[in-house]
Amino acid sequence: MAGLTYSVAEFNTIITMLGCLCATVQAVTGAYAGYKKKKISLLKTNDILFRSHRAFGGFATTLYFLGLFAGITGFITAIFFGGPPFFEISDLSFNFHVWPSFAIAVIIIWKTYISYFRKPHIYKLWRWLGAATFIAWSLNWITSAFSYYLRTIPSGPPQTHPPPTFLLPIALMWLQIILPFIIGALLGFIIVRKAEKKERKV
């Protein structure tokens, strides 16, 4: 592994990808209980669903706030010191990820607040809040990945990031973007199958 390096931007992108993966698992377990079984209380009564939904939700929240901290410090640096990263209002990679992230932050932080401090309300709002949170996470990952990859292109907007080391090369960007959804869905499917088996035994 000697000589293997990565940029801070790639590290932050990986954090966002892992957060999206965890959010996907949480979405699958929530959709199974709320939409397929039409019994959201399964997220409390089924031990497998309860533990997995909370665990992956907790992981997603932790990873989001790690990424949010990096994003806020970078944004403040861009405004007051001009970079890096550069505050480029005319740049596609900047605008595509930065401005939507404010709306995304409102949804995820609000959902986190309700989950931890006003728990009874989460079961009243689940029909749209759960879907809104997953959509927010999806947009967060997709815009983050696009923004990162655009800045690895030598001929693109000022190349501020070296080519990826741990993420897939830019030629496979499409696969890298859908990968956390695929892995998250597979993990969610395994969890749901185990939860179903437990329900049959009850």
C-alpha atoms as a PDB file:
ATOM      1  CA  MET A   1       0.000   0.000   0.000  1.00  0.00           C
ATOM      2  CA  ALA A   2       3.097   2.232  -0.100  1.00  0.00           C
ATOM      3  CA  GLY A   3       2.536   5.380  -2.066  1.00  0.00           C
ATOM      4  CA  LEU A   4      -1.252   4.979  -2.032  1.00  0.00           C
ATOM      5  CA  THR A   5      -2.779   8.379  -1.359  1.00  0.00           C
ATOM      6  CA  TYR A   6      -6.217   9.960  -1.375  1.00  0.00           C
ATOM      7  CA  SER A   7      -7.549  13.488  -1.152  1.00  0.00           C
ATOM      8  CA  VAL A   8      -9.725  14.962   1.575  1.00  0.00           C
ATOM      9  CA  ALA A   9     -12.433  15.434  -1.067  1.00  0.00           C
ATOM     10  CA  GLU A  10     -12.398  11.711  -1.884  1.00  0.00           C
ATOM     11  CA  PHE A  11     -12.575  10.849   1.817  1.00  0.00           C
ATOM     12  CA  ASN A  12     -15.605  13.148   2.255  1.00  0.00           C
ATOM     13  CA  THR A  13     -17.245  11.624  -0.825  1.00  0.00           C
ATOM     14  CA  ILE A  14     -16.754   8.124   0.612  1.00  0.00           C
ATOM     15  CA  ILE A  15     -18.390   9.255   3.875  1.00  0.00           C
ATOM     16  CA  THR A  16     -21.401  10.515   1.910  1.00  0.00           C
ATOM     17  CA  MET A  17     -21.580   7.265  -0.063  1.00  0.00           C
ATOM     18  CA  LEU A  18     -21.582   5.167   3.129  1.00  0.00           C
ATOM     19  CA  GLY A  19     -24.250   7.407   4.621  1.00  0.00           C
ATOM     20  CA  CYS A  20     -26.439   6.905   1.558  1.00  0.00           C
ATOM     21  CA  LEU A  21     -25.906   3.143   1.805  1.00  0.00           C
ATOM     22  CA  CYS A  22     -27.074   3.150   5.442  1.00  0.00           C
ATOM     23  CA  ALA A  23     -30.023   5.416   4.581  1.00  0.00           C
ATOM     24  CA  THR A  24     -31.023   2.944   1.852  1.00  0.00           C
ATOM     25  CA  VAL A  25     -31.082   0.055   4.336  1.00  0.00           C
ATOM     26  CA  GLN A  26     -33.206   2.145   6.688  1.00  0.00           C
ATOM     27  CA  ALA A  27     -35.542   3.057   3.833  1.00  0.00           C
ATOM     28  CA  VAL A  28     -36.000  -0.599   2.842  1.00  0.00           C
ATOM     29  CA  THR A  29     -36.871  -1.694   6.383  1.00  0.00           C
ATOM     30  CA  GLY A  30     -39.191   1.282   6.826  1.00  0.00           C
ATOM     31  CA  ALA A  31     -40.929   0.701   3.488  1.00  0.00           C
ATOM     32  CA  TYR A  32     -41.392  -2.972   4.316  1.00  0.00           C
ATOM     33  CA  ALA A  33     -43.100  -2.202   7.641  1.00  0.00           C
ATOM     34  CA  GLY A  34     -45.077   0.835   6.523  1.00  0.00           C
ATOM     35  CA  TYR A  35     -46.028   0.125   2.925  1.00  0.00           C
ATOM     36  CA  LYS A  36     -45.824  -3.621   2.328  1.00  0.00           C
ATOM     37  CA  LYS A  37     -47.089  -4.825   5.711  1.00  0.00           C
ATOM     38  CA  LYS A  38     -49.031  -1.583   6.386  1.00  0.00           C
ATOM     39  CA  LYS A  39     -47.985  -1.893  10.008  1.00  0.00           C
ATOM     40  CA  ILE A  40     -45.391   0.709  10.978  1.00  0.00           C
ATOM     41  CA  SER A  41     -45.444  -0.621  14.548  1.00  0.00           C
ATOM     42  CA  LEU A  42     -43.356  -3.566  13.285  1.00  0.00           C
ATOM     43  CA  LEU A  43     -40.366  -1.254  13.566  1.00  0.00           C
ATOM     44  CA  LYS A  44     -40.917  -1.493  17.330  1.00  0.00           C
ATOM     45  CA  THR A  45     -42.352  -4.971  17.801  1.00  0.00           C
ATOM     46  CA  ASN A  46     -40.133  -6.966  15.423  1.00  0.00           C
ATOM     47  CA  ASP A  47     -36.726  -7.143  17.094  1.00  0.00           C
ATOM     48  CA  ILE A  48     -34.815  -7.631  13.820  1.00  0.00           C
ATOM     49  CA  LEU A  49     -36.481  -4.644  12.152  1.00  0.00           C
ATOM     50  CA  PHE A  50     -36.170  -2.547  15.283  1.00  0.00           C
ATOM     51  CA  ARG A  51     -32.424  -3.095  15.724  1.00  0.00           C
ATOM     52  CA  SER A  52     -31.515  -2.786  12.041  1.00  0.00           C
ATOM     53  CA  HIS A  53     -33.690   0.281  11.402  1.00  0.00           C
ATOM     54  CA  ARG A  54     -32.225   2.104  14.393  1.00  0.00           C
ATOM     55  CA  ALA A  55     -28.651   0.967  13.794  1.00  0.00           C
ATOM     56  CA  PHE A  56     -28.467   1.920  10.127  1.00  0.00           C
ATOM     57  CA  GLY A  57     -30.376   5.130  10.823  1.00  0.00           C
ATOM     58  CA  GLY A  58     -27.858   5.992  13.526  1.00  0.00           C
ATOM     59  CA  PHE A  59     -24.951   5.242  11.198  1.00  0.00           C
ATOM     60  CA  ALA A  60     -26.483   7.425   8.477  1.00  0.00           C
ATOM     61  CA  THR A  61     -27.001  10.305  10.913  1.00  0.00           C
ATOM     62  CA  THR A  62     -23.428  10.101  12.225  1.00  0.00           C
ATOM     63  CA  LEU A  63     -21.969   9.991   8.723  1.00  0.00           C
ATOM     64  CA  TYR A  64     -24.167  12.892   7.613  1.00  0.00           C
ATOM     65  CA  PHE A  65     -22.972  15.148  10.417  1.00  0.00           C
ATOM     66  CA  LEU A  66     -19.351  14.213   9.711  1.00  0.00           C
ATOM     67  CA  GLY A  67     -19.861  15.283   6.096  1.00  0.00           C
ATOM     68  CA  LEU A  68     -21.853  18.352   7.140  1.00  0.00           C
ATOM     69  CA  PHE A  69     -19.031  19.531   9.395  1.00  0.00           C
ATOM     70  CA  ALA A  70     -16.537  19.205   6.533  1.00  0.00           C
ATOM     71  CA  GLY A  71     -18.941  20.997   4.185  1.00  0.00           C
ATOM     72  CA  ILE A  72     -19.591  23.903   6.562  1.00  0.00           C
ATOM     73  CA  THR A  73     -15.905  24.481   7.283  1.00  0.00           C
ATOM     74  CA  GLY A  74     -15.140  24.338   3.558  1.00  0.00           C
ATOM     75  CA  PHE A  75     -17.973  26.751   2.743  1.00  0.00           C
ATOM     76  CA  ILE A  76     -16.862  29.238   5.403  1.00  0.00           C
ATOM     77  CA  THR A  77     -13.269  28.995   4.184  1.00  0.00           C
ATOM     78  CA  ALA A  78     -14.451  29.622   0.615  1.00  0.00           C
ATOM     79  CA  ILE A  79     -16.390  32.760   1.609  1.00  0.00           C
ATOM     80  CA  PHE A  80     -13.812  34.396   3.853  1.00  0.00           C
ATOM     81  CA  PHE A  81     -10.527  33.230   2.372  1.00  0.00           C
ATOM     82  CA  GLY A  82     -11.380  32.463  -1.244  1.00  0.00           C
ATOM     83  CA  GLY A  83     -10.274  28.851  -1.093  1.00  0.00           C
ATOM     84  CA  PRO A  84      -9.478  26.148  -1.190  1.00  0.00           C
ATOM     85  CA  PRO A  85     -12.160  25.177  -2.005  1.00  0.00           C
ATOM     86  CA  PHE A  86     -12.908  28.141  -4.236  1.00  0.00           C
ATOM     87  CA  PHE A  87     -16.165  30.038  -3.873  1.00  0.00           C
ATOM     88  CA  GLU A  88     -17.146  29.822  -7.527  1.00  0.00           C
ATOM     89  CA  ILE A  89     -20.671  31.037  -8.090  1.00  0.00           C
ATOM     90  CA  SER A  90     -20.394  30.398 -11.839  1.00  0.00           C
ATOM     91  CA  ASP A  91     -19.033  26.857 -11.532  1.00  0.00           C
ATOM     92  CA  LEU A  92     -21.344  23.902 -12.260  1.00  0.00           C
ATOM     93  CA  SER A  93     -19.781  21.479  -9.786  1.00  0.00           C
ATOM     94  CA  PHE A  94     -20.062  24.069  -7.006  1.00  0.00           C
ATOM     95  CA  ASN A  95     -23.655  25.087  -7.704  1.00  0.00           C
ATOM     96  CA  PHE A  96     -24.880  21.547  -8.389  1.00  0.00           C
ATOM     97  CA  HIS A  97     -23.947  20.320  -4.919  1.00  0.00           C
ATOM     98  CA  VAL A  98     -23.650  23.307  -2.560  1.00  0.00           C
ATOM     99  CA  TRP A  99     -26.986  25.099  -2.950  1.00  0.00           C
ATOM    100  CA  PRO A 100     -29.276  22.020  -2.856  1.00  0.00           C
ATOM    101  CA  SER A 101     -27.383  20.859   0.244  1.00  0.00           C
ATOM    102  CA  PHE A 102     -29.054  23.588   2.316  1.00  0.00           C
ATOM    103  CA  ALA A 103     -32.536  22.142   1.662  1.00  0.00           C
ATOM    104  CA  ILE A 104     -31.175  18.634   2.216  1.00  0.00           C
ATOM    105  CA  ALA A 105     -29.733  19.706   5.583  1.00  0.00           C
ATOM    106  CA  VAL A 106     -33.093  21.099   6.724  1.00  0.00           C
ATOM    107  CA  ILE A 107     -34.882  17.800   5.985  1.00  0.00           C
ATOM    108  CA  ILE A 108     -32.272  15.493   7.529  1.00  0.00           C
ATOM    109  CA  ILE A 109     -31.671  17.645  10.624  1.00  0.00           C
ATOM    110  CA  TRP A 110     -35.416  18.035  11.200  1.00  0.00           C
ATOM    111  CA  LYS A 111     -35.960  14.294  10.858  1.00  0.00           C
ATOM    112  CA  THR A 112     -33.059  13.652  13.245  1.00  0.00           C
ATOM    113  CA  TYR A 113     -34.499  16.087  15.791  1.00  0.00           C
ATOM    114  CA  ILE A 114     -37.918  14.423  15.699  1.00  0.00           C
ATOM    115  CA  SER A 115     -36.381  10.936  15.892  1.00  0.00           C
ATOM    116  CA  TYR A 116     -34.355  11.701  19.007  1.00  0.00           C
ATOM    117  CA  PHE A 117     -36.356  14.330  20.857  1.00  0.00           C
ATOM    118  CA  ARG A 118     -39.992  13.977  19.740  1.00  0.00           C
ATOM    119  CA  LYS A 119     -40.223  10.277  19.017  1.00  0.00           C
ATOM    120  CA  PRO A 120     -44.050   9.896  19.084  1.00  0.00           C
ATOM    121  CA  HIS A 121     -44.334  12.347  16.181  1.00  0.00           C
ATOM    122  CA  ILE A 122     -42.175  10.200  13.913  1.00  0.00           C
ATOM    123  CA  TYR A 123     -44.934   7.594  13.658  1.00  0.00           C
ATOM    124  CA  LYS A 124     -47.468  10.268  12.646  1.00  0.00           C
ATOM    125  CA  LEU A 125     -45.245  11.774   9.960  1.00  0.00           C
ATOM    126  CA  TRP A 126     -43.601   8.589   8.652  1.00  0.00           C
ATOM    127  CA  ARG A 127     -45.555   8.407   5.381  1.00  0.00           C
ATOM    128  CA  TRP A 128     -43.843  11.440   3.887  1.00  0.00           C
ATOM    129  CA  LEU A 129     -40.942  12.173   6.243  1.00  0.00           C
ATOM    130  CA  GLY A 130     -39.282   8.803   5.684  1.00  0.00           C
ATOM    131  CA  ALA A 131     -39.547   9.166   1.906  1.00  0.00           C
ATOM    132  CA  ALA A 132     -38.376  12.790   2.059  1.00  0.00           C
ATOM    133  CA  THR A 133     -35.328  11.786   4.104  1.00  0.00           C
ATOM    134  CA  PHE A 134     -34.368   9.045   1.660  1.00  0.00           C
ATOM    135  CA  ILE A 135     -34.810  11.393  -1.313  1.00  0.00           C
ATOM    136  CA  ALA A 136     -32.689  14.004   0.489  1.00  0.00           C
ATOM    137  CA  TRP A 137     -29.964  11.421   1.139  1.00  0.00           C
ATOM    138  CA  SER A 138     -30.091  10.275  -2.485  1.00  0.00           C
ATOM    139  CA  LEU A 139     -29.727  13.828  -3.791  1.00  0.00           C
ATOM    140  CA  ASN A 140     -26.947  14.490  -1.302  1.00  0.00           C
ATOM    141  CA  TRP A 141     -24.954  11.508  -2.562  1.00  0.00           C
ATOM    142  CA  ILE A 142     -25.631  12.041  -6.282  1.00  0.00           C
ATOM    143  CA  THR A 143     -24.770  15.748  -6.233  1.00  0.00           C
ATOM    144  CA  SER A 144     -21.726  15.084  -4.066  1.00  0.00           C
ATOM    145  CA  ALA A 145     -20.439  12.383  -6.426  1.00  0.00           C
ATOM    146  CA  PHE A 146     -21.011  14.520  -9.544  1.00  0.00           C
ATOM    147  CA  SER A 147     -19.304  17.503  -7.950  1.00  0.00           C
ATOM    148  CA  TYR A 148     -16.312  15.416  -6.884  1.00  0.00           C
ATOM    149  CA  TYR A 149     -15.851  13.656 -10.211  1.00  0.00           C
ATOM    150  CA  LEU A 150     -16.202  16.875 -12.225  1.00  0.00           C
ATOM    151  CA  ARG A 151     -13.263  18.309 -10.304  1.00  0.00           C
ATOM    152  CA  THR A 152     -11.041  15.341 -11.138  1.00  0.00           C
ATOM    153  CA  ILE A 153     -11.279  16.036 -14.896  1.00  0.00           C
ATOM    154  CA  PRO A 154      -8.079  17.784 -16.077  1.00  0.00           C
ATOM    155  CA  SER A 155      -9.977  19.750 -18.729  1.00  0.00           C
ATOM    156  CA  GLY A 156     -12.970  20.470 -16.515  1.00  0.00           C
ATOM    157  CA  PRO A 157     -13.630  23.322 -14.076  1.00  0.00           C
ATOM    158  CA  PRO A 158     -10.376  23.982 -12.287  1.00  0.00           C
ATOM    159  CA  GLN A 159      -9.019  20.545 -11.430  1.00  0.00           C
ATOM    160  CA  THR A 160      -8.831  20.742  -7.668  1.00  0.00           C
ATOM    161  CA  HIS A 161      -8.909  16.990  -6.921  1.00  0.00           C
ATOM    162  CA  PRO A 162      -6.552  14.239  -8.076  1.00  0.00           C
ATOM    163  CA  PRO A 163      -8.080  11.131  -9.712  1.00  0.00           C
ATOM    164  CA  PRO A 164      -9.815   8.802  -7.226  1.00  0.00           C
ATOM    165  CA  THR A 165      -7.812   6.153  -5.384  1.00  0.00           C
ATOM    166  CA  PHE A 166     -10.500   4.168  -3.586  1.00  0.00           C
ATOM    167  CA  LEU A 167     -13.573   5.199  -5.572  1.00  0.00           C
ATOM    168  CA  LEU A 168     -14.103   3.878  -9.086  1.00  0.00           C
ATOM    169  CA  PRO A 169     -12.514   5.798 -11.995  1.00  0.00           C
ATOM    170  CA  ILE A 170     -14.573   8.482 -13.696  1.00  0.00           C
ATOM    171  CA  ALA A 171     -15.383   6.151 -16.620  1.00  0.00           C
ATOM    172  CA  LEU A 172     -17.404   4.095 -14.113  1.00  0.00           C
ATOM    173  CA  MET A 173     -18.947   7.041 -12.301  1.00  0.00           C
ATOM    174  CA  TRP A 174     -22.457   5.791 -13.106  1.00  0.00           C
ATOM    175  CA  LEU A 175     -21.682   2.482 -11.352  1.00  0.00           C
ATOM    176  CA  GLN A 176     -20.146   4.254  -8.371  1.00  0.00           C
ATOM    177  CA  ILE A 177     -23.296   6.346  -7.998  1.00  0.00           C
ATOM    178  CA  ILE A 178     -25.720   3.408  -7.993  1.00  0.00           C
ATOM    179  CA  LEU A 179     -23.470   1.129  -5.901  1.00  0.00           C
ATOM    180  CA  PRO A 180     -24.630   2.293  -2.427  1.00  0.00           C
ATOM    181  CA  PHE A 181     -28.262   1.887  -3.504  1.00  0.00           C
ATOM    182  CA  ILE A 182     -27.622  -1.652  -4.753  1.00  0.00           C
ATOM    183  CA  ILE A 183     -25.663  -2.743  -1.666  1.00  0.00           C
ATOM    184  CA  GLY A 184     -28.121  -1.025   0.676  1.00  0.00           C
ATOM    185  CA  ALA A 185     -31.092  -2.678  -1.050  1.00  0.00           C
ATOM    186  CA  LEU A 186     -29.428  -6.109  -0.822  1.00  0.00           C
ATOM    187  CA  LEU A 187     -28.685  -5.664   2.885  1.00  0.00           C
ATOM    188  CA  GLY A 188     -32.232  -4.434   3.429  1.00  0.00           C
ATOM    189  CA  PHE A 189     -33.620  -7.444   1.561  1.00  0.00           C
ATOM    190  CA  ILE A 190     -31.628  -9.841   3.774  1.00  0.00           C
ATOM    191  CA  ILE A 191     -32.866  -8.076   6.913  1.00  0.00           C
ATOM    192  CA  VAL A 192     -36.481  -8.128   5.697  1.00  0.00           C
ATOM    193  CA  ARG A 193     -36.280 -11.855   4.901  1.00  0.00           C
ATOM    194  CA  LYS A 194     -35.057 -12.575   8.428  1.00  0.00           C
ATOM    195  CA  ALA A 195     -37.762 -10.335   9.871  1.00  0.00           C
ATOM    196  CA  GLU A 196     -40.418 -12.193   7.860  1.00  0.00           C
ATOM    197  CA  LYS A 197     -39.204 -15.551   9.154  1.00  0.00           C
ATOM    198  CA  LYS A 198     -39.440 -14.282  12.698  1.00  0.00           C
ATOM    199  CA  GLU A 199     -42.977 -13.009  12.063  1.00  0.00           C
ATOM    200  CA  ARG A 200     -44.055 -16.459  10.863  1.00  0.00           C
ATOM    201  CA  LYS A 201     -42.791 -18.047  14.067  1.00  0.00           C
ATOM    202  CA  VAL A 202     -44.805 -15.705  16.261  1.00  0.00           C
END
